[in-house]
Protein backbone atom coordinates (compact mmCIF):
# COMPACT_ATOMS: atom_id res chain seq x y z
CA MET A 1 70.99 102.54 108.80
CA HIS A 2 74.11 101.37 107.00
CA SER A 3 76.84 99.95 109.21
CA ASP A 4 80.39 99.74 107.97
CA LEU A 5 81.48 96.11 108.19
CA ARG A 6 84.94 96.57 106.70
CA ARG A 7 87.80 94.96 108.56
CA GLU A 8 90.42 97.34 107.22
CA LEU A 9 90.54 101.12 107.11
CA ARG A 10 90.16 102.53 103.62
CA VAL A 11 92.28 105.48 102.55
CA GLN A 12 91.03 108.09 100.09
CA VAL A 13 92.92 108.22 96.82
CA CYS A 14 92.30 109.47 93.30
CA ILE A 15 93.69 107.07 90.69
CA GLU A 16 92.65 106.78 87.06
CA SER A 17 92.60 103.05 86.46
CA VAL A 18 91.26 100.46 84.04
CA MET A 19 88.81 97.75 85.07
CA GLY A 20 88.23 94.82 82.77
CA SER A 21 86.31 91.59 82.54
CA SER A 22 85.05 89.26 79.86
CA MET A 23 81.55 90.74 80.35
CA LEU A 24 82.53 94.45 80.46
CA GLY A 25 85.55 94.65 78.21
CA LYS A 26 87.93 97.34 79.48
CA ARG A 27 86.55 100.50 81.10
CA LYS A 28 88.23 103.53 82.60
CA VAL A 29 87.33 103.96 86.25
CA GLU A 30 88.49 106.22 89.04
CA LEU A 31 89.69 104.49 92.17
CA LEU A 32 88.32 106.47 95.14
CA ASP A 33 89.52 104.60 98.20
CA ILE A 34 91.63 101.56 98.95
CA SER A 35 92.68 99.14 101.69
CA ASN A 36 94.79 96.01 101.50
CA LEU A 37 91.60 93.95 101.05
CA GLY A 38 89.73 95.99 98.45
CA CYS A 39 88.71 99.33 97.00
CA ARG A 40 85.86 101.51 95.76
CA VAL A 41 85.74 102.73 92.18
CA SER A 42 83.46 105.15 90.38
CA CYS A 43 81.68 103.39 87.55
CA SER A 44 78.46 104.24 85.74
CA LEU A 45 77.84 100.61 84.79
CA ASP A 46 75.56 98.32 86.75
CA VAL A 47 77.86 95.36 87.38
CA PRO A 48 76.39 92.29 89.07
CA THR A 49 77.69 91.33 92.51
CA GLY A 50 80.12 88.45 92.20
CA THR A 51 81.52 89.52 88.82
CA HIS A 52 85.25 88.84 88.55
CA VAL A 53 87.26 91.80 87.25
CA VAL A 54 90.86 92.82 86.78
CA LEU A 55 91.89 96.26 88.02
CA THR A 56 94.95 97.91 86.50
CA MET A 57 96.50 100.94 88.19
CA PRO A 58 99.41 102.90 86.69
CA SER A 59 102.81 101.22 87.24
CA LEU A 60 101.34 98.18 89.04
CA SER A 61 100.60 94.65 87.91
CA PRO A 62 96.92 93.93 87.25
CA ILE A 63 94.96 92.95 90.37
CA SER A 64 92.22 90.31 90.31
CA ALA A 65 89.10 91.28 92.25
CA GLN A 66 85.42 90.49 92.72
CA VAL A 67 82.53 92.97 92.78
CA ARG A 68 81.07 92.95 96.31
CA TRP A 69 78.45 95.68 95.78
CA SER A 70 77.21 98.07 93.10
CA ARG A 71 75.27 101.28 93.81
CA GLN A 72 75.01 104.99 93.00
CA GLY A 73 77.70 105.05 90.34
CA GLY A 74 80.22 103.08 92.35
CA LEU A 75 81.48 99.55 92.88
CA GLY A 76 83.06 97.89 95.87
CA LEU A 77 85.80 95.44 94.92
CA ARG A 78 87.46 92.78 97.06
CA PHE A 79 90.94 91.80 95.95
CA ALA A 80 91.54 88.09 95.30
CA THR A 81 94.84 88.43 97.17
CA PRO A 82 95.34 91.16 99.81
CA LEU A 83 97.84 93.84 98.87
CA HIS A 84 101.20 93.72 100.61
CA PRO A 85 101.40 96.61 103.14
CA LEU A 86 104.34 98.19 101.28
CA VAL A 87 102.44 98.11 97.98
CA LEU A 88 99.42 99.74 99.65
CA GLU A 89 101.66 102.38 101.23
CA ARG A 90 103.23 103.17 97.84
CA ILE A 91 99.80 103.50 96.19
CA VAL A 92 98.57 105.84 98.93
CA VAL A 93 101.69 108.03 99.00
CA LEU A 94 101.67 108.49 95.22
CA ASN A 95 97.93 109.06 94.84
CA ARG A 96 96.51 111.08 97.73
CA PRO A 97 93.76 113.45 96.53
CA HIS A 98 94.89 117.07 96.19
């Protein structure tokens, strides 16, 4: 049984983004949910846990993150620096799924 150990509530979004690293190059991903501490993206690549990546969302500065888990076509990312609450609010308001 999988228990959810997240400290922050994640909010569903739908954001076409770009994830990059020295190992992966740049890849288009879809950001599926987000909190101030991290996010989940859809990605068909098997990316090793611990890989450092940079996530770029439209109209935001690139965000440094680390892969925390990889399974079933998705990755869990933890941001190197938590998002400011106002930045998170802006992302959520502009990108709620329809």
